[in-house]
Amino acid sequence: VKEGSPTLPGLPVSANTDVVKLCIAFLVSLNHSVTI
């Protein structure tokens, strides 16, 4: 997602760590969709 906080649906809240959100937000900012 380009706005808001990335979340990993279906997994415990604890899975949505700060580093996971940071890294996904960075890849989204690059529009680096091949990494999906």
All heavy atoms as atom14 arrays in JSON, in Angstrom:
{
  "sequence": "VKEGSPTLPGLPVSANTDVVKLCIAFLVSLNHSVTI",
  "atom14_mask": [
    [1, 1, 1, 1, 1, 1, 1, 0, 0, 0, 0, 0, 0, 0],
    [1, 1, 1, 1, 1, 1, 1, 1, 1, 0, 0, 0, 0, 0],
    [1, 1, 1, 1, 1, 1, 1, 1, 1, 0, 0, 0, 0, 0],
    [1, 1, 1, 1, 0, 0, 0, 0, 0, 0, 0, 0, 0, 0],
    [1, 1, 1, 1, 1, 1, 0, 0, 0, 0, 0, 0, 0, 0],
    [1, 1, 1, 1, 1, 1, 1, 0, 0, 0, 0, 0, 0, 0],
    [1, 1, 1, 1, 1, 1, 1, 0, 0, 0, 0, 0, 0, 0],
    [1, 1, 1, 1, 1, 1, 1, 1, 0, 0, 0, 0, 0, 0],
    [1, 1, 1, 1, 1, 1, 1, 0, 0, 0, 0, 0, 0, 0],
    [1, 1, 1, 1, 0, 0, 0, 0, 0, 0, 0, 0, 0, 0],
    [1, 1, 1, 1, 1, 1, 1, 1, 0, 0, 0, 0, 0, 0],
    [1, 1, 1, 1, 1, 1, 1, 0, 0, 0, 0, 0, 0, 0],
    [1, 1, 1, 1, 1, 1, 1, 0, 0, 0, 0, 0, 0, 0],
    [1, 1, 1, 1, 1, 1, 0, 0, 0, 0, 0, 0, 0, 0],
    [1, 1, 1, 1, 1, 0, 0, 0, 0, 0, 0, 0, 0, 0],
    [1, 1, 1, 1, 1, 1, 1, 1, 0, 0, 0, 0, 0, 0],
    [1, 1, 1, 1, 1, 1, 1, 0, 0, 0, 0, 0, 0, 0],
    [1, 1, 1, 1, 1, 1, 1, 1, 0, 0, 0, 0, 0, 0],
    [1, 1, 1, 1, 1, 1, 1, 0, 0, 0, 0, 0, 0, 0],
    [1, 1, 1, 1, 1, 1, 1, 0, 0, 0, 0, 0, 0, 0],
    [1, 1, 1, 1, 1, 1, 1, 1, 1, 0, 0, 0, 0, 0],
    [1, 1, 1, 1, 1, 1, 1, 1, 0, 0, 0, 0, 0, 0],
    [1, 1, 1, 1, 1, 1, 0, 0, 0, 0, 0, 0, 0, 0],
    [1, 1, 1, 1, 1, 1, 1, 1, 0, 0, 0, 0, 0, 0],
    [1, 1, 1, 1, 1, 0, 0, 0, 0, 0, 0, 0, 0, 0],
    [1, 1, 1, 1, 1, 1, 1, 1, 1, 1, 1, 0, 0, 0],
    [1, 1, 1, 1, 1, 1, 1, 1, 0, 0, 0, 0, 0, 0],
    [1, 1, 1, 1, 1, 1, 1, 0, 0, 0, 0, 0, 0, 0],
    [1, 1, 1, 1, 1, 1, 0, 0, 0, 0, 0, 0, 0, 0],
    [1, 1, 1, 1, 1, 1, 1, 1, 0, 0, 0, 0, 0, 0],
    [1, 1, 1, 1, 1, 1, 1, 1, 0, 0, 0, 0, 0, 0],
    [1, 1, 1, 1, 1, 1, 1, 1, 1, 1, 0, 0, 0, 0],
    [1, 1, 1, 1, 1, 1, 0, 0, 0, 0, 0, 0, 0, 0],
    [1, 1, 1, 1, 1, 1, 1, 0, 0, 0, 0, 0, 0, 0],
    [1, 1, 1, 1, 1, 1, 1, 0, 0, 0, 0, 0, 0, 0],
    [1, 1, 1, 1, 1, 1, 1, 1, 0, 0, 0, 0, 0, 0]
  ],
  "atom14_positions": [
    [[0.84, -1.2, 0.0], [0.0, 0.0, 0.0], [0.87, 1.25, 0.0], [1.92, 1.29, 0.64], [-0.94, 0.02, 1.22], [-1.98, -1.08, 1.11], [-0.17, -0.13, 2.53], [0.0, 0.0, 0.0], [0.0, 0.0, 0.0], [0.0, 0.0, 0.0], [0.0, 0.0, 0.0], [0.0, 0.0, 0.0], [0.0, 0.0, 0.0], [0.0, 0.0, 0.0]],
    [[0.42, 2.27, -0.72], [1.19, 3.52, -0.8], [0.86, 4.46, 0.34], [1.65, 5.35, 0.66], [0.92, 4.2, -2.14], [1.5, 3.44, -3.32], [1.39, 4.23, -4.62], [2.05, 3.47, -5.76], [2.0, 4.22, -7.04], [0.0, 0.0, 0.0], [0.0, 0.0, 0.0], [0.0, 0.0, 0.0], [0.0, 0.0, 0.0], [0.0, 0.0, 0.0]],
    [[-0.29, 4.31, 0.94], [-0.7, 5.15, 2.06], [-0.96, 4.26, 3.28], [-1.38, 3.12, 3.15], [-1.97, 5.94, 1.72], [-1.83, 6.83, 0.48], [-0.89, 8.0, 0.68], [-0.66, 8.36, 1.86], [-0.4, 8.54, -0.32], [0.0, 0.0, 0.0], [0.0, 0.0, 0.0], [0.0, 0.0, 0.0], [0.0, 0.0, 0.0], [0.0, 0.0, 0.0]],
    [[-0.72, 4.81, 4.46], [-0.97, 4.06, 5.67], [0.14, 3.07, 5.98], [1.23, 3.12, 5.42], [0.0, 0.0, 0.0], [0.0, 0.0, 0.0], [0.0, 0.0, 0.0], [0.0, 0.0, 0.0], [0.0, 0.0, 0.0], [0.0, 0.0, 0.0], [0.0, 0.0, 0.0], [0.0, 0.0, 0.0], [0.0, 0.0, 0.0], [0.0, 0.0, 0.0]],
    [[-0.17, 2.14, 6.86], [0.82, 1.19, 7.35], [0.63, -0.18, 6.71], [-0.46, -0.73, 6.74], [0.7, 1.06, 8.88], [1.61, 0.13, 9.38], [0.0, 0.0, 0.0], [0.0, 0.0, 0.0], [0.0, 0.0, 0.0], [0.0, 0.0, 0.0], [0.0, 0.0, 0.0], [0.0, 0.0, 0.0], [0.0, 0.0, 0.0], [0.0, 0.0, 0.0]],
    [[1.68, -0.76, 6.13], [1.57, -2.11, 5.57], [1.23, -3.12, 6.66], [1.78, -3.06, 7.76], [2.97, -2.38, 5.01], [3.63, -1.05, 4.89], [3.04, -0.21, 5.96], [0.0, 0.0, 0.0], [0.0, 0.0, 0.0], [0.0, 0.0, 0.0], [0.0, 0.0, 0.0], [0.0, 0.0, 0.0], [0.0, 0.0, 0.0], [0.0, 0.0, 0.0]],
    [[0.32, -4.04, 6.37], [-0.01, -5.1, 7.32], [-0.02, -6.43, 6.6], [-0.32, -6.5, 5.4], [-1.4, -4.87, 7.97], [-2.4, -4.79, 6.94], [-1.42, -3.59, 8.78], [0.0, 0.0, 0.0], [0.0, 0.0, 0.0], [0.0, 0.0, 0.0], [0.0, 0.0, 0.0], [0.0, 0.0, 0.0], [0.0, 0.0, 0.0], [0.0, 0.0, 0.0]],
    [[0.29, -7.49, 7.33], [0.31, -8.84, 6.78], [-0.97, -9.54, 7.21], [-1.06, -10.06, 8.33], [1.54, -9.59, 7.3], [2.89, -8.98, 6.88], [4.04, -9.65, 7.62], [3.09, -9.07, 5.37], [0.0, 0.0, 0.0], [0.0, 0.0, 0.0], [0.0, 0.0, 0.0], [0.0, 0.0, 0.0], [0.0, 0.0, 0.0], [0.0, 0.0, 0.0]],
    [[-1.99, -9.54, 6.36], [-3.3, -10.07, 6.75], [-3.25, -11.56, 7.03], [-2.53, -12.32, 6.38], [-4.17, -9.77, 5.52], [-3.2, -9.72, 4.38], [-1.96, -9.12, 4.94], [0.0, 0.0, 0.0], [0.0, 0.0, 0.0], [0.0, 0.0, 0.0], [0.0, 0.0, 0.0], [0.0, 0.0, 0.0], [0.0, 0.0, 0.0], [0.0, 0.0, 0.0]],
    [[-4.02, -11.96, 8.03], [-4.1, -13.37, 8.36], [-3.04, -13.85, 9.32], [-3.07, -14.99, 9.78], [0.0, 0.0, 0.0], [0.0, 0.0, 0.0], [0.0, 0.0, 0.0], [0.0, 0.0, 0.0], [0.0, 0.0, 0.0], [0.0, 0.0, 0.0], [0.0, 0.0, 0.0], [0.0, 0.0, 0.0], [0.0, 0.0, 0.0], [0.0, 0.0, 0.0]],
    [[-2.08, -12.99, 9.64], [-1.02, -13.34, 10.57], [-1.17, -12.54, 11.85], [-1.81, -11.48, 11.85], [0.35, -13.07, 9.94], [0.71, -13.92, 8.71], [2.06, -13.5, 8.16], [0.71, -15.41, 9.05], [0.0, 0.0, 0.0], [0.0, 0.0, 0.0], [0.0, 0.0, 0.0], [0.0, 0.0, 0.0], [0.0, 0.0, 0.0], [0.0, 0.0, 0.0]],
    [[-0.6, -13.0, 12.96], [-0.7, -12.26, 14.21], [-0.16, -10.84, 14.08], [0.71, -10.57, 13.24], [0.15, -13.09, 15.18], [0.24, -14.43, 14.57], [0.18, -14.24, 13.1], [0.0, 0.0, 0.0], [0.0, 0.0, 0.0], [0.0, 0.0, 0.0], [0.0, 0.0, 0.0], [0.0, 0.0, 0.0], [0.0, 0.0, 0.0], [0.0, 0.0, 0.0]],
    [[-0.67, -9.94, 14.91], [-0.19, -8.55, 14.91], [1.31, -8.49, 15.1], [1.99, -7.63, 14.52], [-0.91, -7.74, 16.01], [-0.32, -6.35, 16.12], [-2.41, -7.66, 15.74], [0.0, 0.0, 0.0], [0.0, 0.0, 0.0], [0.0, 0.0, 0.0], [0.0, 0.0, 0.0], [0.0, 0.0, 0.0], [0.0, 0.0, 0.0], [0.0, 0.0, 0.0]],
    [[1.85, -9.42, 15.85], [3.29, -9.44, 16.11], [4.12, -9.65, 14.85], [5.32, -9.35, 14.84], [3.63, -10.54, 17.13], [3.21, -11.81, 16.65], [0.0, 0.0, 0.0], [0.0, 0.0, 0.0], [0.0, 0.0, 0.0], [0.0, 0.0, 0.0], [0.0, 0.0, 0.0], [0.0, 0.0, 0.0], [0.0, 0.0, 0.0], [0.0, 0.0, 0.0]],
    [[3.48, -10.15, 13.77], [4.21, -10.35, 12.52], [4.49, -9.03, 11.82], [5.42, -8.92, 11.0], [3.42, -11.26, 11.59], [0.0, 0.0, 0.0], [0.0, 0.0, 0.0], [0.0, 0.0, 0.0], [0.0, 0.0, 0.0], [0.0, 0.0, 0.0], [0.0, 0.0, 0.0], [0.0, 0.0, 0.0], [0.0, 0.0, 0.0], [0.0, 0.0, 0.0]],
    [[3.69, -8.01, 12.14], [3.84, -6.7, 11.49], [4.89, -5.87, 12.23], [4.59, -4.83, 12.81], [2.5, -5.97, 11.47], [1.46, -6.73, 10.68], [1.59, -6.9, 9.47], [0.43, -7.21, 11.35], [0.0, 0.0, 0.0], [0.0, 0.0, 0.0], [0.0, 0.0, 0.0], [0.0, 0.0, 0.0], [0.0, 0.0, 0.0], [0.0, 0.0, 0.0]],
    [[6.12, -6.33, 12.19], [7.19, -5.66, 12.91], [7.57, -4.36, 12.22], [7.24, -4.12, 11.05], [8.44, -6.56, 12.99], [8.92, -6.81, 11.66], [8.12, -7.88, 13.68], [0.0, 0.0, 0.0], [0.0, 0.0, 0.0], [0.0, 0.0, 0.0], [0.0, 0.0, 0.0], [0.0, 0.0, 0.0], [0.0, 0.0, 0.0], [0.0, 0.0, 0.0]],
    [[8.29, -3.53, 12.94], [8.72, -2.24, 12.38], [9.57, -2.44, 11.14], [9.39, -1.74, 10.13], [9.51, -1.46, 13.43], [9.92, -0.08, 12.92], [9.08, 0.84, 12.99], [11.05, 0.07, 12.44], [0.0, 0.0, 0.0], [0.0, 0.0, 0.0], [0.0, 0.0, 0.0], [0.0, 0.0, 0.0], [0.0, 0.0, 0.0], [0.0, 0.0, 0.0]],
    [[10.46, -3.42, 11.18], [11.36, -3.61, 10.03], [10.6, -4.15, 8.82], [10.91, -3.8, 7.68], [12.54, -4.53, 10.4], [12.11, -5.98, 10.58], [13.65, -4.44, 9.35], [0.0, 0.0, 0.0], [0.0, 0.0, 0.0], [0.0, 0.0, 0.0], [0.0, 0.0, 0.0], [0.0, 0.0, 0.0], [0.0, 0.0, 0.0], [0.0, 0.0, 0.0]],
    [[9.57, -4.97, 9.04], [8.74, -5.44, 7.94], [8.03, -4.26, 7.28], [8.02, -4.12, 6.05], [7.7, -6.48, 8.45], [6.58, -6.67, 7.44], [8.39, -7.82, 8.71], [0.0, 0.0, 0.0], [0.0, 0.0, 0.0], [0.0, 0.0, 0.0], [0.0, 0.0, 0.0], [0.0, 0.0, 0.0], [0.0, 0.0, 0.0], [0.0, 0.0, 0.0]],
    [[7.45, -3.39, 8.08], [6.74, -2.22, 7.53], [7.71, -1.29, 6.81], [7.4, -0.76, 5.73], [6.0, -1.49, 8.64], [4.83, -2.29, 9.21], [4.01, -1.5, 10.21], [4.71, -1.34, 11.53], [3.84, -0.73, 12.56], [0.0, 0.0, 0.0], [0.0, 0.0, 0.0], [0.0, 0.0, 0.0], [0.0, 0.0, 0.0], [0.0, 0.0, 0.0]],
    [[8.88, -1.08, 7.39], [9.9, -0.23, 6.75], [10.29, -0.77, 5.39], [10.3, -0.04, 4.39], [11.14, -0.13, 7.65], [12.41, 0.4, 6.98], [12.26, 1.88, 6.63], [13.63, 0.17, 7.86], [0.0, 0.0, 0.0], [0.0, 0.0, 0.0], [0.0, 0.0, 0.0], [0.0, 0.0, 0.0], [0.0, 0.0, 0.0], [0.0, 0.0, 0.0]],
    [[10.63, -2.06, 5.33], [11.13, -2.64, 4.1], [10.07, -2.67, 3.0], [10.35, -2.37, 1.84], [11.67, -4.04, 4.36], [13.18, -4.07, 5.35], [0.0, 0.0, 0.0], [0.0, 0.0, 0.0], [0.0, 0.0, 0.0], [0.0, 0.0, 0.0], [0.0, 0.0, 0.0], [0.0, 0.0, 0.0], [0.0, 0.0, 0.0], [0.0, 0.0, 0.0]],
    [[8.83, -3.02, 3.38], [7.78, -3.03, 2.38], [7.5, -1.61, 1.89], [7.34, -1.37, 0.68], [6.5, -3.68, 2.93], [6.73, -5.18, 3.19], [5.34, -3.49, 1.95], [5.55, -5.89, 3.81], [0.0, 0.0, 0.0], [0.0, 0.0, 0.0], [0.0, 0.0, 0.0], [0.0, 0.0, 0.0], [0.0, 0.0, 0.0], [0.0, 0.0, 0.0]],
    [[7.47, -0.63, 2.8], [7.23, 0.76, 2.4], [8.32, 1.24, 1.44], [8.03, 1.96, 0.48], [7.17, 1.65, 3.63], [0.0, 0.0, 0.0], [0.0, 0.0, 0.0], [0.0, 0.0, 0.0], [0.0, 0.0, 0.0], [0.0, 0.0, 0.0], [0.0, 0.0, 0.0], [0.0, 0.0, 0.0], [0.0, 0.0, 0.0], [0.0, 0.0, 0.0]],
    [[9.55, 0.83, 1.69], [10.65, 1.2, 0.8], [10.45, 0.6, -0.59], [10.57, 1.29, -1.61], [11.98, 0.75, 1.4], [13.15, 0.79, 0.44], [13.52, 1.96, -0.17], [13.86, -0.37, 0.16], [14.59, 2.01, -1.07], [14.93, -0.34, -0.72], [15.3, 0.84, -1.34], [0.0, 0.0, 0.0], [0.0, 0.0, 0.0], [0.0, 0.0, 0.0]],
    [[10.14, -0.69, -0.65], [9.95, -1.35, -1.94], [8.75, -0.77, -2.69], [8.79, -0.62, -3.91], [9.78, -2.86, -1.73], [11.01, -3.59, -1.17], [10.66, -5.01, -0.74], [12.15, -3.6, -2.19], [0.0, 0.0, 0.0], [0.0, 0.0, 0.0], [0.0, 0.0, 0.0], [0.0, 0.0, 0.0], [0.0, 0.0, 0.0], [0.0, 0.0, 0.0]],
    [[7.7, -0.42, -1.96], [6.54, 0.23, -2.59], [6.94, 1.59, -3.16], [6.52, 1.95, -4.27], [5.39, 0.39, -1.57], [4.29, 1.29, -2.15], [4.8, -0.97, -1.21], [0.0, 0.0, 0.0], [0.0, 0.0, 0.0], [0.0, 0.0, 0.0], [0.0, 0.0, 0.0], [0.0, 0.0, 0.0], [0.0, 0.0, 0.0], [0.0, 0.0, 0.0]],
    [[7.76, 2.34, -2.42], [8.19, 3.66, -2.9], [8.96, 3.56, -4.21], [8.95, 4.49, -5.01], [9.04, 4.38, -1.84], [10.36, 3.86, -1.78], [0.0, 0.0, 0.0], [0.0, 0.0, 0.0], [0.0, 0.0, 0.0], [0.0, 0.0, 0.0], [0.0, 0.0, 0.0], [0.0, 0.0, 0.0], [0.0, 0.0, 0.0], [0.0, 0.0, 0.0]],
    [[9.61, 2.42, -4.43], [10.34, 2.18, -5.68], [9.43, 1.64, -6.78], [9.88, 1.48, -7.92], [11.46, 1.16, -5.45], [12.64, 1.56, -4.58], [13.58, 0.38, -4.41], [13.37, 2.74, -5.18], [0.0, 0.0, 0.0], [0.0, 0.0, 0.0], [0.0, 0.0, 0.0], [0.0, 0.0, 0.0], [0.0, 0.0, 0.0], [0.0, 0.0, 0.0]],
    [[8.18, 1.33, -6.43], [7.28, 0.64, -7.35], [7.92, -0.66, -7.83], [7.8, -1.04, -9.0], [6.92, 1.53, -8.55], [5.7, 1.02, -9.29], [4.84, 0.36, -8.72], [5.62, 1.31, -10.58], [0.0, 0.0, 0.0], [0.0, 0.0, 0.0], [0.0, 0.0, 0.0], [0.0, 0.0, 0.0], [0.0, 0.0, 0.0], [0.0, 0.0, 0.0]],
    [[8.59, -1.34, -6.9], [9.41, -2.52, -7.21], [8.55, -3.77, -7.12], [8.79, -4.67, -6.31], [10.56, -2.55, -6.2], [11.77, -3.3, -6.65], [11.97, -3.71, -7.95], [12.85, -3.72, -5.95], [13.13, -4.32, -8.02], [13.67, -4.36, -6.83], [0.0, 0.0, 0.0], [0.0, 0.0, 0.0], [0.0, 0.0, 0.0], [0.0, 0.0, 0.0]],
    [[7.54, -3.85, -8.0], [6.51, -4.88, -7.88], [7.03, -6.28, -8.14], [6.39, -7.26, -7.73], [5.34, -4.56, -8.81], [5.78, -4.44, -10.15], [0.0, 0.0, 0.0], [0.0, 0.0, 0.0], [0.0, 0.0, 0.0], [0.0, 0.0, 0.0], [0.0, 0.0, 0.0], [0.0, 0.0, 0.0], [0.0, 0.0, 0.0], [0.0, 0.0, 0.0]],
    [[8.18, -6.41, -8.8], [8.72, -7.75, -9.04], [9.04, -8.47, -7.74], [9.09, -9.7, -7.69], [9.98, -7.66, -9.94], [11.16, -7.1, -9.17], [10.33, -9.03, -10.54], [0.0, 0.0, 0.0], [0.0, 0.0, 0.0], [0.0, 0.0, 0.0], [0.0, 0.0, 0.0], [0.0, 0.0, 0.0], [0.0, 0.0, 0.0], [0.0, 0.0, 0.0]],
    [[9.21, -7.7, -6.65], [9.55, -8.33, -5.37], [8.33, -8.92, -4.66], [8.47, -9.63, -3.67], [10.22, -7.32, -4.43], [9.31, -6.23, -4.16], [11.5, -6.76, -5.04], [0.0, 0.0, 0.0], [0.0, 0.0, 0.0], [0.0, 0.0, 0.0], [0.0, 0.0, 0.0], [0.0, 0.0, 0.0], [0.0, 0.0, 0.0], [0.0, 0.0, 0.0]],
    [[7.13, -8.62, -5.16], [5.93, -9.17, -4.54], [5.95, -10.7, -4.58], [5.65, -11.37, -3.59], [4.66, -8.63, -5.22], [4.5, -7.13, -4.96], [3.42, -9.38, -4.73], [3.37, -6.49, -5.73], [0.0, 0.0, 0.0], [0.0, 0.0, 0.0], [0.0, 0.0, 0.0], [0.0, 0.0, 0.0], [0.0, 0.0, 0.0], [0.0, 0.0, 0.0]]
  ]
}
